[in-house]
Amino acid sequence: MSEKHYELRILPLFESDLSEIVDYIVFRLKNPIAAENLVDAVEKAIYERLPNAEAFDQYQSKKERKYPYYRIQVKSFTIFYVVIDNVMEVRRILYGRRNWKEII
């Protein structure tokens, strides 16, 4: 049985979300080390998921979608991605206390 190989695609919206989170931690919370640790944890979680992108439960969104969402939990944040053919497309990262069920 051959293992499927996934390519990684990061959307600009994810990068924007992550940048806002990092800015908040660095400038509002005055904790650049925590921001760096979060970025490292996010990167690690994405790359750990990449070989098995479809091996997890799909997220049941309120919206009908062509491609189902999957989730990765990292600290107090949730990363959302879809799988399109052999591409794991990372779309959003949202704070856990945010009403992301209305966003996603």
PDB file of N, CA and C in Angstrom:
ATOM      1  N   MET A   1       0.839  -1.177   0.000  1.00  0.00           N
ATOM      2  CA  MET A   1       0.000   0.000   0.000  1.00  0.00           C
ATOM      3  C   MET A   1       0.886   1.242   0.000  1.00  0.00           C
ATOM      4  N   SER A   2       0.696   2.120  -0.963  1.00  0.00           N
ATOM      5  CA  SER A   2       1.548   3.306  -1.055  1.00  0.00           C
ATOM      6  C   SER A   2       0.965   4.445  -0.231  1.00  0.00           C
ATOM      7  N   GLU A   3       1.841   5.185   0.397  1.00  0.00           N
ATOM      8  CA  GLU A   3       1.442   6.318   1.220  1.00  0.00           C
ATOM      9  C   GLU A   3       1.277   7.544   0.331  1.00  0.00           C
ATOM     10  N   LYS A   4       0.216   8.284   0.567  1.00  0.00           N
ATOM     11  CA  LYS A   4      -0.033   9.491  -0.220  1.00  0.00           C
ATOM     12  C   LYS A   4       0.898  10.600   0.253  1.00  0.00           C
ATOM     13  N   HIS A   5       1.445  11.330  -0.690  1.00  0.00           N
ATOM     14  CA  HIS A   5       2.329  12.447  -0.380  1.00  0.00           C
ATOM     15  C   HIS A   5       1.561  13.747  -0.585  1.00  0.00           C
ATOM     16  N   TYR A   6       1.555  14.597   0.425  1.00  0.00           N
ATOM     17  CA  TYR A   6       0.841  15.867   0.354  1.00  0.00           C
ATOM     18  C   TYR A   6       1.824  17.025   0.209  1.00  0.00           C
ATOM     19  N   GLU A   7       1.457  17.965  -0.636  1.00  0.00           N
ATOM     20  CA  GLU A   7       2.185  19.229  -0.721  1.00  0.00           C
ATOM     21  C   GLU A   7       1.508  20.205   0.236  1.00  0.00           C
ATOM     22  N   LEU A   8       2.239  21.196   0.664  1.00  0.00           N
ATOM     23  CA  LEU A   8       1.716  22.181   1.604  1.00  0.00           C
ATOM     24  C   LEU A   8       1.501  23.510   0.895  1.00  0.00           C
ATOM     25  N   ARG A   9       0.337  24.097   1.109  1.00  0.00           N
ATOM     26  CA  ARG A   9       0.039  25.435   0.603  1.00  0.00           C
ATOM     27  C   ARG A   9      -0.516  26.247   1.782  1.00  0.00           C
ATOM     28  N   ILE A  10       0.079  27.404   2.009  1.00  0.00           N
ATOM     29  CA  ILE A  10      -0.358  28.305   3.076  1.00  0.00           C
ATOM     30  C   ILE A  10      -1.040  29.498   2.423  1.00  0.00           C
ATOM     31  N   LEU A  11      -2.283  29.741   2.772  1.00  0.00           N
ATOM     32  CA  LEU A  11      -3.003  30.874   2.187  1.00  0.00           C
ATOM     33  C   LEU A  11      -2.622  32.186   2.869  1.00  0.00           C
ATOM     34  N   PRO A  12      -2.688  33.293   2.143  1.00  0.00           N
ATOM     35  CA  PRO A  12      -2.395  34.603   2.733  1.00  0.00           C
ATOM     36  C   PRO A  12      -3.289  34.930   3.935  1.00  0.00           C
ATOM     37  N   LEU A  13      -4.519  34.450   3.942  1.00  0.00           N
ATOM     38  CA  LEU A  13      -5.411  34.705   5.070  1.00  0.00           C
ATOM     39  C   LEU A  13      -4.874  34.065   6.349  1.00  0.00           C
ATOM     40  N   PHE A  14      -4.321  32.869   6.243  1.00  0.00           N
ATOM     41  CA  PHE A  14      -3.683  32.229   7.393  1.00  0.00           C
ATOM     42  C   PHE A  14      -2.500  33.073   7.873  1.00  0.00           C
ATOM     43  N   GLU A  15      -1.677  33.504   6.932  1.00  0.00           N
ATOM     44  CA  GLU A  15      -0.515  34.322   7.294  1.00  0.00           C
ATOM     45  C   GLU A  15      -0.946  35.617   7.980  1.00  0.00           C
ATOM     46  N   SER A  16      -2.027  36.212   7.509  1.00  0.00           N
ATOM     47  CA  SER A  16      -2.558  37.428   8.117  1.00  0.00           C
ATOM     48  C   SER A  16      -3.072  37.151   9.531  1.00  0.00           C
ATOM     49  N   ASP A  17      -3.814  36.061   9.684  1.00  0.00           N
ATOM     50  CA  ASP A  17      -4.305  35.673  11.015  1.00  0.00           C
ATOM     51  C   ASP A  17      -3.134  35.500  11.982  1.00  0.00           C
ATOM     52  N   LEU A  18      -2.137  34.745  11.557  1.00  0.00           N
ATOM     53  CA  LEU A  18      -0.993  34.462  12.422  1.00  0.00           C
ATOM     54  C   LEU A  18      -0.222  35.735  12.750  1.00  0.00           C
ATOM     55  N   SER A  19      -0.084  36.608  11.781  1.00  0.00           N
ATOM     56  CA  SER A  19       0.608  37.874  12.011  1.00  0.00           C
ATOM     57  C   SER A  19      -0.124  38.725  13.053  1.00  0.00           C
ATOM     58  N   GLU A  20      -1.433  38.777  12.960  1.00  0.00           N
ATOM     59  CA  GLU A  20      -2.228  39.524  13.947  1.00  0.00           C
ATOM     60  C   GLU A  20      -2.063  38.937  15.343  1.00  0.00           C
ATOM     61  N   ILE A  21      -2.066  37.620  15.435  1.00  0.00           N
ATOM     62  CA  ILE A  21      -1.895  36.952  16.726  1.00  0.00           C
ATOM     63  C   ILE A  21      -0.518  37.265  17.299  1.00  0.00           C
ATOM     64  N   VAL A  22       0.507  37.145  16.479  1.00  0.00           N
ATOM     65  CA  VAL A  22       1.875  37.425  16.934  1.00  0.00           C
ATOM     66  C   VAL A  22       2.007  38.887  17.368  1.00  0.00           C
ATOM     67  N   ASP A  23       1.475  39.803  16.577  1.00  0.00           N
ATOM     68  CA  ASP A  23       1.529  41.222  16.952  1.00  0.00           C
ATOM     69  C   ASP A  23       0.856  41.474  18.292  1.00  0.00           C
ATOM     70  N   TYR A  24      -0.275  40.845  18.517  1.00  0.00           N
ATOM     71  CA  TYR A  24      -0.988  41.012  19.783  1.00  0.00           C
ATOM     72  C   TYR A  24      -0.135  40.515  20.949  1.00  0.00           C
ATOM     73  N   ILE A  25       0.456  39.337  20.783  1.00  0.00           N
ATOM     74  CA  ILE A  25       1.275  38.773  21.862  1.00  0.00           C
ATOM     75  C   ILE A  25       2.516  39.620  22.113  1.00  0.00           C
ATOM     76  N   VAL A  26       3.150  40.086  21.038  1.00  0.00           N
ATOM     77  CA  VAL A  26       4.387  40.868  21.182  1.00  0.00           C
ATOM     78  C   VAL A  26       4.114  42.267  21.720  1.00  0.00           C
ATOM     79  N   PHE A  27       3.154  42.970  21.120  1.00  0.00           N
ATOM     80  CA  PHE A  27       2.972  44.393  21.436  1.00  0.00           C
ATOM     81  C   PHE A  27       1.967  44.663  22.549  1.00  0.00           C
ATOM     82  N   ARG A  28       0.908  43.894  22.635  1.00  0.00           N
ATOM     83  CA  ARG A  28      -0.087  44.113  23.691  1.00  0.00           C
ATOM     84  C   ARG A  28       0.282  43.374  24.967  1.00  0.00           C
ATOM     85  N   LEU A  29       0.692  42.130  24.811  1.00  0.00           N
ATOM     86  CA  LEU A  29       1.035  41.328  25.978  1.00  0.00           C
ATOM     87  C   LEU A  29       2.509  41.469  26.371  1.00  0.00           C
ATOM     88  N   LYS A  30       3.291  42.090  25.484  1.00  0.00           N
ATOM     89  CA  LYS A  30       4.722  42.331  25.741  1.00  0.00           C
ATOM     90  C   LYS A  30       5.469  41.020  26.031  1.00  0.00           C
ATOM     91  N   ASN A  31       5.196  40.005  25.184  1.00  0.00           N
ATOM     92  CA  ASN A  31       5.812  38.709  25.413  1.00  0.00           C
ATOM     93  C   ASN A  31       6.310  38.111  24.091  1.00  0.00           C
ATOM     94  N   PRO A  32       7.412  38.636  23.568  1.00  0.00           N
ATOM     95  CA  PRO A  32       7.927  38.133  22.294  1.00  0.00           C
ATOM     96  C   PRO A  32       8.357  36.665  22.342  1.00  0.00           C
ATOM     97  N   ILE A  33       8.779  36.187  23.485  1.00  0.00           N
ATOM     98  CA  ILE A  33       9.184  34.781  23.592  1.00  0.00           C
ATOM     99  C   ILE A  33       7.961  33.873  23.405  1.00  0.00           C
ATOM    100  N   ALA A  34       6.848  34.249  24.009  1.00  0.00           N
ATOM    101  CA  ALA A  34       5.624  33.453  23.837  1.00  0.00           C
ATOM    102  C   ALA A  34       5.175  33.462  22.380  1.00  0.00           C
ATOM    103  N   ALA A  35       5.321  34.600  21.706  1.00  0.00           N
ATOM    104  CA  ALA A  35       4.948  34.690  20.292  1.00  0.00           C
ATOM    105  C   ALA A  35       5.835  33.767  19.458  1.00  0.00           C
ATOM    106  N   GLU A  36       7.117  33.785  19.719  1.00  0.00           N
ATOM    107  CA  GLU A  36       8.042  32.916  18.982  1.00  0.00           C
ATOM    108  C   GLU A  36       7.737  31.440  19.244  1.00  0.00           C
ATOM    109  N   ASN A  37       7.437  31.110  20.498  1.00  0.00           N
ATOM    110  CA  ASN A  37       7.097  29.731  20.838  1.00  0.00           C
ATOM    111  C   ASN A  37       5.817  29.289  20.133  1.00  0.00           C
ATOM    112  N   LEU A  38       4.854  30.191  20.029  1.00  0.00           N
ATOM    113  CA  LEU A  38       3.608  29.857  19.341  1.00  0.00           C
ATOM    114  C   LEU A  38       3.867  29.587  17.861  1.00  0.00           C
ATOM    115  N   VAL A  39       4.626  30.450  17.217  1.00  0.00           N
ATOM    116  CA  VAL A  39       4.942  30.258  15.799  1.00  0.00           C
ATOM    117  C   VAL A  39       5.662  28.916  15.594  1.00  0.00           C
ATOM    118  N   ASP A  40       6.593  28.592  16.462  1.00  0.00           N
ATOM    119  CA  ASP A  40       7.299  27.310  16.368  1.00  0.00           C
ATOM    120  C   ASP A  40       6.329  26.141  16.528  1.00  0.00           C
ATOM    121  N   ALA A  41       5.410  26.246  17.490  1.00  0.00           N
ATOM    122  CA  ALA A  41       4.440  25.173  17.739  1.00  0.00           C
ATOM    123  C   ALA A  41       3.476  25.013  16.565  1.00  0.00           C
ATOM    124  N   VAL A  42       3.066  26.131  15.964  1.00  0.00           N
ATOM    125  CA  VAL A  42       2.166  26.094  14.811  1.00  0.00           C
ATOM    126  C   VAL A  42       2.871  25.414  13.637  1.00  0.00           C
ATOM    127  N   GLU A  43       4.084  25.826  13.366  1.00  0.00           N
ATOM    128  CA  GLU A  43       4.844  25.230  12.261  1.00  0.00           C
ATOM    129  C   GLU A  43       5.044  23.728  12.480  1.00  0.00           C
ATOM    130  N   LYS A  44       5.416  23.358  13.687  1.00  0.00           N
ATOM    131  CA  LYS A  44       5.632  21.950  14.006  1.00  0.00           C
ATOM    132  C   LYS A  44       4.348  21.142  13.817  1.00  0.00           C
ATOM    133  N   ALA A  45       3.226  21.659  14.294  1.00  0.00           N
ATOM    134  CA  ALA A  45       1.946  20.943  14.195  1.00  0.00           C
ATOM    135  C   ALA A  45       1.527  20.746  12.740  1.00  0.00           C
ATOM    136  N   ILE A  46       1.734  21.757  11.924  1.00  0.00           N
ATOM    137  CA  ILE A  46       1.367  21.652  10.506  1.00  0.00           C
ATOM    138  C   ILE A  46       2.228  20.590   9.819  1.00  0.00           C
ATOM    139  N   TYR A  47       3.529  20.631  10.054  1.00  0.00           N
ATOM    140  CA  TYR A  47       4.416  19.664   9.396  1.00  0.00           C
ATOM    141  C   TYR A  47       4.228  18.245   9.929  1.00  0.00           C
ATOM    142  N   GLU A  48       3.829  18.112  11.183  1.00  0.00           N
ATOM    143  CA  GLU A  48       3.532  16.786  11.712  1.00  0.00           C
ATOM    144  C   GLU A  48       2.259  16.213  11.087  1.00  0.00           C
ATOM    145  N   ARG A  49       1.299  17.081  10.776  1.00  0.00           N
ATOM    146  CA  ARG A  49       0.042  16.632  10.188  1.00  0.00           C
ATOM    147  C   ARG A  49       0.180  16.336   8.697  1.00  0.00           C
ATOM    148  N   LEU A  50       1.101  16.981   8.032  1.00  0.00           N
ATOM    149  CA  LEU A  50       1.234  16.904   6.579  1.00  0.00           C
ATOM    150  C   LEU A  50       1.260  15.470   6.011  1.00  0.00           C
ATOM    151  N   PRO A  51       1.996  14.536   6.568  1.00  0.00           N
ATOM    152  CA  PRO A  51       2.030  13.197   5.977  1.00  0.00           C
ATOM    153  C   PRO A  51       0.693  12.444   6.057  1.00  0.00           C
ATOM    154  N   ASN A  52      -0.186  12.861   6.971  1.00  0.00           N
ATOM    155  CA  ASN A  52      -1.453  12.162   7.205  1.00  0.00           C
ATOM    156  C   ASN A  52      -2.619  13.142   7.231  1.00  0.00           C
ATOM    157  N   ALA A  53      -2.654  14.046   6.314  1.00  0.00           N
ATOM    158  CA  ALA A  53      -3.608  15.157   6.349  1.00  0.00           C
ATOM    159  C   ALA A  53      -5.065  14.724   6.402  1.00  0.00           C
ATOM    160  N   GLU A  54      -5.388  13.593   5.797  1.00  0.00           N
ATOM    161  CA  GLU A  54      -6.784  13.150   5.753  1.00  0.00           C
ATOM    162  C   GLU A  54      -7.109  12.056   6.778  1.00  0.00           C
ATOM    163  N   ALA A  55      -6.200  11.754   7.655  1.00  0.00           N
ATOM    164  CA  ALA A  55      -6.385  10.668   8.607  1.00  0.00           C
ATOM    165  C   ALA A  55      -7.116  11.106   9.874  1.00  0.00           C
ATOM    166  N   PHE A  56      -7.702  12.281   9.867  1.00  0.00           N
ATOM    167  CA  PHE A  56      -8.360  12.825  11.049  1.00  0.00           C
ATOM    168  C   PHE A  56      -9.811  13.142  10.730  1.00  0.00           C
ATOM    169  N   ASP A  57     -10.611  13.299  11.783  1.00  0.00           N
ATOM    170  CA  ASP A  57     -12.024  13.624  11.585  1.00  0.00           C
ATOM    171  C   ASP A  57     -12.181  14.982  10.922  1.00  0.00           C
ATOM    172  N   GLN A  58     -13.162  15.058  10.037  1.00  0.00           N
ATOM    173  CA  GLN A  58     -13.480  16.324   9.380  1.00  0.00           C
ATOM    174  C   GLN A  58     -14.271  17.204  10.335  1.00  0.00           C
ATOM    175  N   TYR A  59     -14.073  18.511  10.192  1.00  0.00           N
ATOM    176  CA  TYR A  59     -14.833  19.480  10.979  1.00  0.00           C
ATOM    177  C   TYR A  59     -16.165  19.726  10.274  1.00  0.00           C
ATOM    178  N   GLN A  60     -17.244  19.615  11.011  1.00  0.00           N
ATOM    179  CA  GLN A  60     -18.575  19.811  10.445  1.00  0.00           C
ATOM    180  C   GLN A  60     -18.941  21.294  10.499  1.00  0.00           C
ATOM    181  N   SER A  61     -18.709  21.985   9.412  1.00  0.00           N
ATOM    182  CA  SER A  61     -18.981  23.413   9.302  1.00  0.00           C
ATOM    183  C   SER A  61     -20.471  23.652   9.078  1.00  0.00           C
ATOM    184  N   LYS A  62     -20.946  24.808   9.501  1.00  0.00           N
ATOM    185  CA  LYS A  62     -22.335  25.193   9.237  1.00  0.00           C
ATOM    186  C   LYS A  62     -22.555  25.451   7.756  1.00  0.00           C
ATOM    187  N   LYS A  63     -21.495  25.879   7.089  1.00  0.00           N
ATOM    188  CA  LYS A  63     -21.574  26.199   5.667  1.00  0.00           C
ATOM    189  C   LYS A  63     -21.282  24.953   4.831  1.00  0.00           C
ATOM    190  N   GLU A  64     -21.979  24.841   3.719  1.00  0.00           N
ATOM    191  CA  GLU A  64     -21.680  23.746   2.806  1.00  0.00           C
ATOM    192  C   GLU A  64     -20.422  24.105   2.020  1.00  0.00           C
ATOM    193  N   ARG A  65     -19.514  23.152   1.933  1.00  0.00           N
ATOM    194  CA  ARG A  65     -18.227  23.413   1.303  1.00  0.00           C
ATOM    195  C   ARG A  65     -17.878  22.324   0.313  1.00  0.00           C
ATOM    196  N   LYS A  66     -17.138  22.728  -0.706  1.00  0.00           N
ATOM    197  CA  LYS A  66     -16.663  21.758  -1.689  1.00  0.00           C
ATOM    198  C   LYS A  66     -15.634  20.825  -1.061  1.00  0.00           C
ATOM    199  N   TYR A  67     -14.783  21.385  -0.203  1.00  0.00           N
ATOM    200  CA  TYR A  67     -13.746  20.609   0.471  1.00  0.00           C
ATOM    201  C   TYR A  67     -13.962  20.728   1.978  1.00  0.00           C
ATOM    202  N   PRO A  68     -14.049  19.616   2.679  1.00  0.00           N
ATOM    203  CA  PRO A  68     -14.277  19.683   4.128  1.00  0.00           C
ATOM    204  C   PRO A  68     -13.052  20.218   4.867  1.00  0.00           C
ATOM    205  N   TYR A  69     -13.330  20.883   5.968  1.00  0.00           N
ATOM    206  CA  TYR A  69     -12.266  21.391   6.823  1.00  0.00           C
ATOM    207  C   TYR A  69     -11.793  20.322   7.792  1.00  0.00           C
ATOM    208  N   TYR A  70     -10.511  20.411   8.115  1.00  0.00           N
ATOM    209  CA  TYR A  70      -9.899  19.634   9.179  1.00  0.00           C
ATOM    210  C   TYR A  70      -9.315  20.636  10.164  1.00  0.00           C
ATOM    211  N   ARG A  71      -9.080  20.186  11.398  1.00  0.00           N
ATOM    212  CA  ARG A  71      -8.561  21.083  12.433  1.00  0.00           C
ATOM    213  C   ARG A  71      -7.296  20.528  13.070  1.00  0.00           C
ATOM    214  N   ILE A  72      -6.460  21.456  13.501  1.00  0.00           N
ATOM    215  CA  ILE A  72      -5.292  21.140  14.324  1.00  0.00           C
ATOM    216  C   ILE A  72      -5.348  22.079  15.524  1.00  0.00           C
ATOM    217  N   GLN A  73      -5.280  21.523  16.716  1.00  0.00           N
ATOM    218  CA  GLN A  73      -5.300  22.327  17.930  1.00  0.00           C
ATOM    219  C   GLN A  73      -3.871  22.619  18.357  1.00  0.00           C
ATOM    220  N   VAL A  74      -3.539  23.897  18.557  1.00  0.00           N
ATOM    221  CA  VAL A  74      -2.221  24.307  19.040  1.00  0.00           C
ATOM    222  C   VAL A  74      -2.431  25.339  20.141  1.00  0.00           C
ATOM    223  N   LYS A  75      -2.133  24.927  21.354  1.00  0.00           N
ATOM    224  CA  LYS A  75      -2.341  25.778  22.527  1.00  0.00           C
ATOM    225  C   LYS A  75      -3.786  26.255  22.525  1.00  0.00           C
ATOM    226  N   SER A  76      -4.036  27.551  22.543  1.00  0.00           N
ATOM    227  CA  SER A  76      -5.405  28.089  22.572  1.00  0.00           C
ATOM    228  C   SER A  76      -5.913  28.445  21.176  1.00  0.00           C
ATOM    229  N   PHE A  77      -5.291  27.896  20.159  1.00  0.00           N
ATOM    230  CA  PHE A  77      -5.629  28.261  18.782  1.00  0.00           C
ATOM    231  C   PHE A  77      -6.020  27.023  17.974  1.00  0.00           C
ATOM    232  N   THR A  78      -6.820  27.256  16.956  1.00  0.00           N
ATOM    233  CA  THR A  78      -7.230  26.182  16.056  1.00  0.00           C
ATOM    234  C   THR A  78      -6.822  26.556  14.642  1.00  0.00           C
ATOM    235  N   ILE A  79      -6.121  25.644  13.995  1.00  0.00           N
ATOM    236  CA  ILE A  79      -5.714  25.804  12.600  1.00  0.00           C
ATOM    237  C   ILE A  79      -6.715  25.028  11.754  1.00  0.00           C
ATOM    238  N   PHE A  80      -7.190  25.654  10.688  1.00  0.00           N
ATOM    239  CA  PHE A  80      -8.129  25.004   9.778  1.00  0.00           C
ATOM    240  C   PHE A  80      -7.465  24.816   8.423  1.00  0.00           C
ATOM    241  N   TYR A  81      -7.662  23.626   7.857  1.00  0.00           N
ATOM    242  CA  TYR A  81      -7.104  23.339   6.538  1.00  0.00           C
ATOM    243  C   TYR A  81      -8.059  22.445   5.761  1.00  0.00           C
ATOM    244  N   VAL A  82      -7.851  22.398   4.464  1.00  0.00           N
ATOM    245  CA  VAL A  82      -8.584  21.495   3.579  1.00  0.00           C
ATOM    246  C   VAL A  82      -7.561  20.681   2.789  1.00  0.00           C
ATOM    247  N   VAL A  83      -8.039  19.594   2.208  1.00  0.00           N
ATOM    248  CA  VAL A  83      -7.189  18.780   1.340  1.00  0.00           C
ATOM    249  C   VAL A  83      -7.822  18.806  -0.045  1.00  0.00           C
ATOM    250  N   ILE A  84      -7.040  19.267  -1.013  1.00  0.00           N
ATOM    251  CA  ILE A  84      -7.470  19.329  -2.410  1.00  0.00           C
ATOM    252  C   ILE A  84      -6.491  18.488  -3.213  1.00  0.00           C
ATOM    253  N   ASP A  85      -6.980  17.345  -3.673  1.00  0.00           N
ATOM    254  CA  ASP A  85      -6.124  16.367  -4.358  1.00  0.00           C
ATOM    255  C   ASP A  85      -4.958  15.994  -3.444  1.00  0.00           C
ATOM    256  N   ASN A  86      -3.735  16.372  -3.793  1.00  0.00           N
ATOM    257  CA  ASN A  86      -2.588  16.026  -2.956  1.00  0.00           C
ATOM    258  C   ASN A  86      -2.024  17.264  -2.236  1.00  0.00           C
ATOM    259  N   VAL A  87      -2.855  18.291  -2.051  1.00  0.00           N
ATOM    260  CA  VAL A  87      -2.407  19.528  -1.412  1.00  0.00           C
ATOM    261  C   VAL A  87      -3.138  19.732  -0.086  1.00  0.00           C
ATOM    262  N   MET A  88      -2.372  19.924   0.966  1.00  0.00           N
ATOM    263  CA  MET A  88      -2.922  20.335   2.257  1.00  0.00           C
ATOM    264  C   MET A  88      -2.856  21.853   2.282  1.00  0.00           C
ATOM    265  N   GLU A  89      -4.020  22.481   2.189  1.00  0.00           N
ATOM    266  CA  GLU A  89      -4.103  23.940   2.092  1.00  0.00           C
ATOM    267  C   GLU A  89      -4.519  24.512   3.447  1.00  0.00           C
ATOM    268  N   VAL A  90      -3.595  25.186   4.103  1.00  0.00           N
ATOM    269  CA  VAL A  90      -3.839  25.768   5.421  1.00  0.00           C
ATOM    270  C   VAL A  90      -4.493  27.133   5.216  1.00  0.00           C
ATOM    271  N   ARG A  91      -5.707  27.278   5.785  1.00  0.00           N
ATOM    272  CA  ARG A  91      -6.508  28.460   5.479  1.00  0.00           C
ATOM    273  C   ARG A  91      -6.629  29.474   6.597  1.00  0.00           C
ATOM    274  N   ARG A  92      -6.810  29.029   7.833  1.00  0.00           N
ATOM    275  CA  ARG A  92      -7.045  29.971   8.932  1.00  0.00           C
ATOM    276  C   ARG A  92      -6.380  29.474  10.205  1.00  0.00           C
ATOM    277  N   ILE A  93      -6.105  30.409  11.103  1.00  0.00           N
ATOM    278  CA  ILE A  93      -5.778  30.106  12.490  1.00  0.00           C
ATOM    279  C   ILE A  93      -6.558  31.101  13.323  1.00  0.00           C
ATOM    280  N   LEU A  94      -7.325  30.578  14.271  1.00  0.00           N
ATOM    281  CA  LEU A  94      -8.207  31.428  15.065  1.00  0.00           C
ATOM    282  C   LEU A  94      -8.062  31.098  16.545  1.00  0.00           C
ATOM    283  N   TYR A  95      -8.216  32.129  17.358  1.00  0.00           N
ATOM    284  CA  TYR A  95      -8.166  31.976  18.807  1.00  0.00           C
ATOM    285  C   TYR A  95      -9.354  31.149  19.269  1.00  0.00           C
ATOM    286  N   GLY A  96      -9.131  30.268  20.211  1.00  0.00           N
ATOM    287  CA  GLY A  96     -10.153  29.339  20.663  1.00  0.00           C
ATOM    288  C   GLY A  96     -11.394  29.982  21.255  1.00  0.00           C
ATOM    289  N   ARG A  97     -11.263  31.136  21.876  1.00  0.00           N
ATOM    290  CA  ARG A  97     -12.421  31.795  22.481  1.00  0.00           C
ATOM    291  C   ARG A  97     -13.198  32.654  21.502  1.00  0.00           C
ATOM    292  N   ARG A  98     -12.673  32.775  20.328  1.00  0.00           N
ATOM    293  CA  ARG A  98     -13.368  33.530  19.290  1.00  0.00           C
ATOM    294  C   ARG A  98     -14.514  32.679  18.740  1.00  0.00           C
ATOM    295  N   ASN A  99     -15.555  33.302  18.264  1.00  0.00           N
ATOM    296  CA  ASN A  99     -16.693  32.556  17.736  1.00  0.00           C
ATOM    297  C   ASN A  99     -16.385  32.090  16.327  1.00  0.00           C
ATOM    298  N   TRP A 100     -15.412  31.196  16.195  1.00  0.00           N
ATOM    299  CA  TRP A 100     -14.983  30.759  14.869  1.00  0.00           C
ATOM    300  C   TRP A 100     -15.989  29.857  14.201  1.00  0.00           C
ATOM    301  N   LYS A 101     -16.954  29.339  14.974  1.00  0.00           N
ATOM    302  CA  LYS A 101     -17.986  28.505  14.349  1.00  0.00           C
ATOM    303  C   LYS A 101     -18.843  29.308  13.394  1.00  0.00           C
ATOM    304  N   GLU A 102     -18.925  30.608  13.621  1.00  0.00           N
ATOM    305  CA  GLU A 102     -19.655  31.488  12.693  1.00  0.00           C
ATOM    306  C   GLU A 102     -18.770  31.923  11.523  1.00  0.00           C
ATOM    307  N   ILE A 103     -17.453  31.859  11.705  1.00  0.00           N
ATOM    308  CA  ILE A 103     -16.519  32.285  10.669  1.00  0.00           C
ATOM    309  C   ILE A 103     -16.245  31.156   9.674  1.00  0.00           C
ATOM    310  N   ILE A 104     -16.078  29.977  10.202  1.00  0.00           N
ATOM    311  CA  ILE A 104     -15.693  28.819   9.373  1.00  0.00           C
ATOM    312  C   ILE A 104     -16.907  28.134   8.805  1.00  0.00           C
TER     313      ILE A 104
END
